[in-house]
Amino acid sequence: MSLRKALTELKEAFDAGFINQREYDSNRRGIIDQWISQLQSKPLTPQTPAPSPAPPTLWERFLDMARSFKRKLEDRIKEFFNKLIGQ
């Protein structure tokens, strides 16, 4: 559970009257202390950026254009036959 969600649920319980001010303060400190200890227990690792994908090759671009042309041609053929059948 995230820190924000835990604190929000605790605040909602306090606002609804399920817990008093002392319980709210105690639980809030406990949640924050637990969150801090979890952060401290995780090893720090440097974030490496994800490698950028290689640009498409000429062949890949040609295949994309061919697929696009095929879809457009199929759509036009369907339109033609739908108009022919509809008349």
Protein backbone atom coordinates (compact mmCIF):
# COMPACT_ATOMS: atom_id res chain seq x y z
CA MET A 1 0.00 0.00 0.00
CA SER A 2 1.33 3.42 -0.86
CA LEU A 3 2.07 6.00 1.78
CA ARG A 4 -0.53 8.40 0.39
CA LYS A 5 -3.27 5.74 0.39
CA ALA A 6 -2.46 4.62 3.94
CA LEU A 7 -2.52 8.18 5.26
CA THR A 8 -5.74 8.94 3.37
CA GLU A 9 -7.49 5.90 4.86
CA LEU A 10 -6.29 6.89 8.33
CA LYS A 11 -7.56 10.46 7.87
CA GLU A 12 -10.93 9.15 6.67
CA ALA A 13 -11.20 6.94 9.78
CA PHE A 14 -10.41 9.96 11.97
CA ASP A 15 -12.90 12.20 10.14
CA ALA A 16 -15.60 9.54 10.46
CA GLY A 17 -15.02 9.37 14.22
CA PHE A 18 -13.73 5.79 14.35
CA ILE A 19 -10.50 6.87 16.09
CA ASN A 20 -9.59 9.77 18.35
CA GLN A 21 -6.82 12.35 17.91
CA ARG A 22 -4.23 10.43 19.96
CA GLU A 23 -4.82 7.20 17.97
CA TYR A 24 -4.68 9.17 14.74
CA ASP A 25 -1.34 10.79 15.63
CA SER A 26 0.14 7.51 16.85
CA ASN A 27 -0.96 5.55 13.76
CA ARG A 28 0.19 8.34 11.45
CA ARG A 29 3.68 8.31 12.98
CA GLY A 30 3.74 4.51 12.74
CA ILE A 31 2.77 4.52 9.07
CA ILE A 32 5.40 7.13 8.22
CA ASP A 33 8.09 5.32 10.25
CA GLN A 34 7.26 2.01 8.53
CA TRP A 35 7.44 3.68 5.10
CA ILE A 36 10.81 5.26 5.93
CA SER A 37 12.23 1.94 7.16
CA GLN A 38 11.08 0.25 3.94
CA LEU A 39 12.86 2.91 1.91
CA GLN A 40 16.03 2.55 3.96
CA SER A 41 16.05 -1.23 3.55
CA LYS A 42 16.06 -1.01 -0.26
CA PRO A 43 19.52 -0.84 -1.83
CA LEU A 44 20.18 2.24 -3.90
CA THR A 45 20.78 1.33 -7.50
CA PRO A 46 21.55 3.86 -10.18
CA GLN A 47 18.78 4.24 -12.70
CA THR A 48 20.02 3.54 -16.19
CA PRO A 49 17.99 4.95 -19.04
CA ALA A 50 16.33 2.47 -21.34
CA PRO A 51 18.09 2.10 -24.66
CA SER A 52 16.31 3.91 -27.43
CA PRO A 53 14.89 1.68 -30.13
CA ALA A 54 16.72 1.64 -33.44
CA PRO A 55 15.06 3.60 -36.22
CA PRO A 56 13.12 1.45 -38.68
CA THR A 57 15.11 0.14 -41.59
CA LEU A 58 14.18 0.90 -45.17
CA TRP A 59 12.70 -2.61 -45.52
CA GLU A 60 10.54 -2.18 -42.39
CA ARG A 61 9.26 1.16 -43.69
CA PHE A 62 8.44 -0.46 -47.04
CA LEU A 63 6.52 -3.26 -45.29
CA ASP A 64 4.55 -0.72 -43.24
CA MET A 65 3.63 1.18 -46.40
CA ALA A 66 2.59 -2.07 -48.11
CA ARG A 67 0.40 -3.07 -45.16
CA SER A 68 -1.22 0.36 -45.13
CA PHE A 69 -1.87 0.17 -48.86
CA LYS A 70 -3.38 -3.31 -48.48
CA ARG A 71 -5.75 -2.12 -45.70
CA LYS A 72 -6.88 0.88 -47.75
CA LEU A 73 -7.43 -1.29 -50.82
CA GLU A 74 -9.46 -3.82 -48.80
CA ASP A 75 -11.58 -1.00 -47.35
CA ARG A 76 -12.29 0.43 -50.81
CA ILE A 77 -13.23 -2.99 -52.18
CA LYS A 78 -15.62 -3.54 -49.24
CA GLU A 79 -17.18 -0.10 -49.82
CA PHE A 80 -17.62 -0.86 -53.51
CA PHE A 81 -19.36 -4.18 -52.90
CA ASN A 82 -21.50 -2.73 -50.09
CA LYS A 83 -22.68 0.02 -52.47
CA LEU A 84 -23.24 -2.55 -55.22
CA ILE A 85 -25.28 -4.83 -52.94
CA GLY A 86 -27.13 -1.91 -51.35
CA GLN A 87 -28.43 -0.63 -54.73
